[in-house]
Protein backbone atom coordinates (compact mmCIF):
# COMPACT_ATOMS: atom_id res chain seq x y z
CA MET A 1 -28.56 14.21 5.54
CA SER A 2 -29.25 13.98 9.23
CA ALA A 3 -29.14 10.61 10.92
CA ALA A 4 -31.29 9.23 13.65
CA PRO A 5 -29.58 8.58 16.99
CA GLY A 6 -29.59 4.86 16.31
CA ASP A 7 -27.81 5.42 13.01
CA ARG A 8 -25.10 7.51 14.64
CA ALA A 9 -24.54 4.92 17.33
CA ALA A 10 -23.81 2.32 14.64
CA VAL A 11 -21.01 4.36 13.07
CA THR A 12 -17.54 3.12 14.03
CA PRO A 13 -14.06 3.53 12.52
CA ALA A 14 -14.56 0.08 10.94
CA ALA A 15 -17.86 1.18 9.39
CA VAL A 16 -16.24 4.32 7.99
CA ARG A 17 -13.42 2.27 6.49
CA ASP A 18 -15.90 -0.21 4.98
CA ALA A 19 -17.91 2.58 3.36
CA ALA A 20 -14.75 4.23 2.04
CA THR A 21 -13.50 0.89 0.70
CA THR A 22 -16.69 0.38 -1.28
CA LEU A 23 -16.63 3.89 -2.71
CA PHE A 24 -12.90 3.93 -3.48
CA ALA A 25 -13.32 0.61 -5.31
CA GLU A 26 -16.29 1.91 -7.30
CA LYS A 27 -15.16 5.47 -8.05
CA GLY A 28 -11.46 5.65 -7.28
CA TYR A 29 -9.76 7.52 -4.47
CA HIS A 30 -9.75 10.89 -6.24
CA GLY A 31 -13.28 10.35 -7.52
CA THR A 32 -14.69 9.90 -4.02
CA ALA A 33 -15.59 12.83 -1.77
CA LEU A 34 -15.80 12.47 1.99
CA SER A 35 -19.36 13.77 1.74
CA GLU A 36 -20.20 10.60 -0.19
CA VAL A 37 -18.70 8.43 2.56
CA ALA A 38 -20.76 10.32 5.11
CA ALA A 39 -23.92 10.01 3.02
CA ARG A 40 -23.46 6.24 2.81
CA LEU A 41 -23.26 6.14 6.60
CA ARG A 42 -26.22 8.55 6.95
CA ILE A 43 -24.26 11.09 8.96
CA ARG A 44 -23.04 14.62 8.33
CA THR A 45 -19.57 15.02 6.84
CA PRO A 46 -18.08 16.73 9.94
CA SER A 47 -19.14 13.71 12.01
CA LEU A 48 -16.69 11.55 10.05
CA TYR A 49 -13.83 13.24 11.86
CA ASN A 50 -14.93 11.55 15.08
CA HIS A 51 -13.72 8.29 13.48
CA MET A 52 -10.86 9.30 11.13
CA SER A 53 -8.49 12.18 10.51
CA SER A 54 -8.53 12.42 6.70
CA LYS A 55 -9.38 10.69 3.44
CA GLN A 56 -5.66 9.99 3.01
CA GLU A 57 -5.64 8.14 6.33
CA LEU A 58 -8.45 5.90 5.08
CA LEU A 59 -6.56 5.10 1.88
CA ALA A 60 -3.33 4.42 3.77
CA GLU A 61 -5.04 2.07 6.20
CA ILE A 62 -6.78 0.13 3.43
CA VAL A 63 -3.71 -0.25 1.22
CA LEU A 64 -1.11 -0.88 3.92
CA THR A 65 -3.25 -3.38 5.82
CA THR A 66 -4.06 -5.23 2.60
CA SER A 67 -0.40 -5.34 1.56
CA GLN A 68 0.64 -6.64 4.97
CA GLU A 69 -2.04 -9.33 4.83
CA VAL A 70 -0.91 -10.43 1.36
CA TRP A 71 2.65 -10.88 2.60
CA ALA A 72 1.50 -12.75 5.72
CA GLU A 73 -0.60 -15.08 3.57
CA PHE A 74 2.37 -15.79 1.32
CA GLU A 75 4.57 -16.66 4.29
CA ALA A 76 1.91 -18.95 5.75
CA ALA A 77 1.39 -20.61 2.36
CA VAL A 78 5.01 -21.64 1.91
CA ASP A 79 5.85 -22.32 5.55
CA GLY A 80 6.76 -25.93 6.26
CA ARG A 81 6.67 -27.04 2.62
CA ASP A 82 9.92 -28.58 1.35
CA ASP A 83 8.76 -29.14 -2.22
CA VAL A 84 9.27 -25.97 -4.26
CA VAL A 85 6.47 -26.86 -6.68
CA SER A 86 4.07 -27.22 -3.77
CA ARG A 87 5.21 -23.86 -2.39
CA LEU A 88 4.68 -22.10 -5.72
CA ARG A 89 1.29 -23.71 -6.24
CA GLU A 90 0.08 -22.72 -2.77
CA ALA A 91 1.52 -19.20 -3.03
CA ALA A 92 -0.41 -18.67 -6.27
CA ARG A 93 -3.55 -20.25 -4.85
CA VAL A 94 -3.76 -17.95 -1.83
CA TYR A 95 -2.94 -14.89 -3.95
CA ALA A 96 -5.70 -15.69 -6.45
CA LEU A 97 -8.08 -16.44 -3.58
CA ARG A 98 -7.27 -13.08 -1.99
CA HIS A 99 -8.24 -11.31 -5.22
CA ALA A 100 -11.50 -13.24 -5.47
CA THR A 101 -12.55 -12.69 -1.85
CA HIS A 102 -11.20 -9.15 -1.27
CA ARG A 103 -12.05 -7.59 -4.61
CA ARG A 104 -12.66 -4.06 -3.32
CA GLU A 105 -9.30 -3.86 -1.57
CA ALA A 106 -7.51 -5.41 -4.54
CA LEU A 107 -8.94 -2.86 -6.96
CA ILE A 108 -7.87 0.00 -4.68
CA VAL A 109 -4.36 -1.34 -4.09
CA ASN A 110 -3.71 -1.86 -7.77
CA ARG A 111 -5.21 1.44 -8.95
CA ASP A 112 -4.69 4.02 -6.21
CA VAL A 113 -1.33 3.14 -4.68
CA ALA A 114 0.31 6.14 -6.36
CA SER A 115 -2.04 8.43 -4.41
CA LEU A 116 -0.46 7.43 -1.09
CA ASP A 117 1.67 9.89 0.82
CA GLU A 118 5.04 9.04 2.32
CA PRO A 119 6.11 7.12 4.31
CA VAL A 120 3.23 4.73 3.62
CA LEU A 121 3.89 4.71 -0.13
CA SER A 122 7.43 3.42 0.39
CA GLN A 123 6.24 0.82 2.90
CA VAL A 124 3.65 -0.52 0.49
CA LEU A 125 6.04 -0.58 -2.46
CA GLU A 126 8.61 -2.46 -0.39
CA LEU A 127 6.02 -5.09 0.58
CA ARG A 128 5.10 -5.44 -3.08
CA ARG A 129 8.74 -5.84 -4.11
CA ARG A 130 9.32 -8.37 -1.32
CA HIS A 131 6.40 -10.46 -2.53
CA GLU A 132 7.55 -10.40 -6.15
CA ARG A 133 11.11 -11.31 -5.18
CA ALA A 134 9.88 -14.21 -3.09
CA VAL A 135 7.81 -15.62 -5.95
CA ARG A 136 10.72 -15.07 -8.34
CA ASP A 137 13.05 -16.92 -5.97
CA LEU A 138 10.64 -19.87 -5.86
CA ILE A 139 10.65 -20.06 -9.65
CA ALA A 140 14.44 -19.73 -9.80
CA GLU A 141 14.81 -22.48 -7.20
CA GLY A 142 12.50 -24.71 -9.20
CA ALA A 143 14.57 -24.08 -12.32
CA ASP A 144 17.77 -24.92 -10.44
CA ARG A 145 16.22 -28.19 -9.25
CA GLY A 146 15.06 -29.10 -12.75
CA VAL A 147 11.33 -29.14 -11.99
CA LEU A 148 10.61 -25.81 -13.71
CA VAL A 149 11.83 -24.83 -17.15
CA VAL A 150 11.68 -21.08 -17.63
CA GLU A 151 13.96 -18.68 -19.45
CA THR A 152 13.54 -15.69 -17.11
CA PRO A 153 12.23 -16.25 -13.56
CA ARG A 154 11.60 -12.52 -13.15
CA VAL A 155 9.27 -12.40 -16.15
CA ALA A 156 7.55 -15.60 -15.03
CA SER A 157 6.98 -14.19 -11.53
CA PHE A 158 5.35 -11.08 -12.99
CA GLY A 159 3.20 -13.31 -15.16
CA VAL A 160 2.02 -15.38 -12.20
CA LEU A 161 1.27 -12.37 -10.01
CA GLU A 162 -0.48 -10.29 -12.67
CA MET A 163 -2.58 -13.30 -13.66
CA CYS A 164 -3.81 -13.62 -10.07
CA VAL A 165 -4.41 -9.87 -9.75
CA SER A 166 -6.77 -10.03 -12.75
CA VAL A 167 -9.20 -12.20 -10.77
CA ALA A 168 -10.43 -9.11 -8.89
CA ARG A 169 -11.53 -7.52 -12.16
CA TRP A 170 -13.77 -10.32 -13.38
CA PHE A 171 -14.70 -12.68 -10.56
CA SER A 172 -18.31 -12.67 -9.35
CA PRO A 173 -19.44 -14.51 -6.21
CA GLY A 174 -22.65 -15.32 -8.06
CA GLY A 175 -20.84 -16.95 -10.98
CA PRO A 176 -20.58 -20.64 -11.82
CA LEU A 177 -17.33 -21.16 -9.89
CA THR A 178 -16.57 -20.48 -6.24
CA ALA A 179 -13.60 -18.38 -5.20
CA GLU A 180 -11.88 -21.55 -4.00
CA GLN A 181 -12.41 -23.31 -7.33
CA VAL A 182 -11.02 -20.36 -9.26
CA ALA A 183 -8.01 -20.15 -6.95
CA GLU A 184 -7.31 -23.86 -7.38
CA GLN A 185 -7.37 -23.55 -11.16
CA TYR A 186 -5.13 -20.50 -11.06
CA SER A 187 -2.62 -22.36 -8.92
CA GLU A 188 -2.29 -24.89 -11.74
CA PHE A 189 -2.06 -22.12 -14.33
CA ALA A 190 0.81 -20.65 -12.31
CA LEU A 191 2.77 -23.88 -12.59
CA ARG A 192 2.29 -23.83 -16.37
CA VAL A 193 3.50 -20.23 -16.55
CA ALA A 194 6.56 -21.27 -14.58
CA GLY A 195 7.23 -24.23 -16.88
CA HIS A 196 6.46 -27.10 -14.53
CA VAL A 197 7.82 -30.34 -15.96
CA GLY A 198 7.37 -32.65 -12.98
CA ALA A 199 10.08 -34.39 -11.01
CA PRO A 200 13.46 -34.60 -12.78
CA THR A 201 14.44 -38.01 -14.13
């Protein structure tokens, strides 16, 4: 489909990424053709290459940027908090909130990561492992301090993270709860998963 001059002028690398993010989330990376991205932007497929180099580049940018933002949000959430329970609660809250407010990106990251080429695949997997280890360490620290009772911190950390990831699959902005309300409830669920027992006597 041809686009009017005004339509072409509106196309930017950010607009291309946004269109690709919507389509990848809806249809999957392999299920989306670049012609569909172009059609959404009302330009011809060859015109996409003025704003990107390949479909793989779009996927890499979406997944790597999202993974970096998740790690940055975790660091900000725990920074300056001495209480390990507070750190775990806030880490879970921001992770659940991310999955409620960035649902498209979350669906792509958790479904299409295996489609990434190297070296981006390794970079993303390392960020994911770093995040899981950090949550696991919080739970282990809480267990050592006697405020969390959990048999296996590693299993508990997977439980907390996967619980938060699920928000992207069911949350609707038009539902009865806001993203912030859901995230707050999930932060309390995370403490239960990790066996929160309150301050030691």
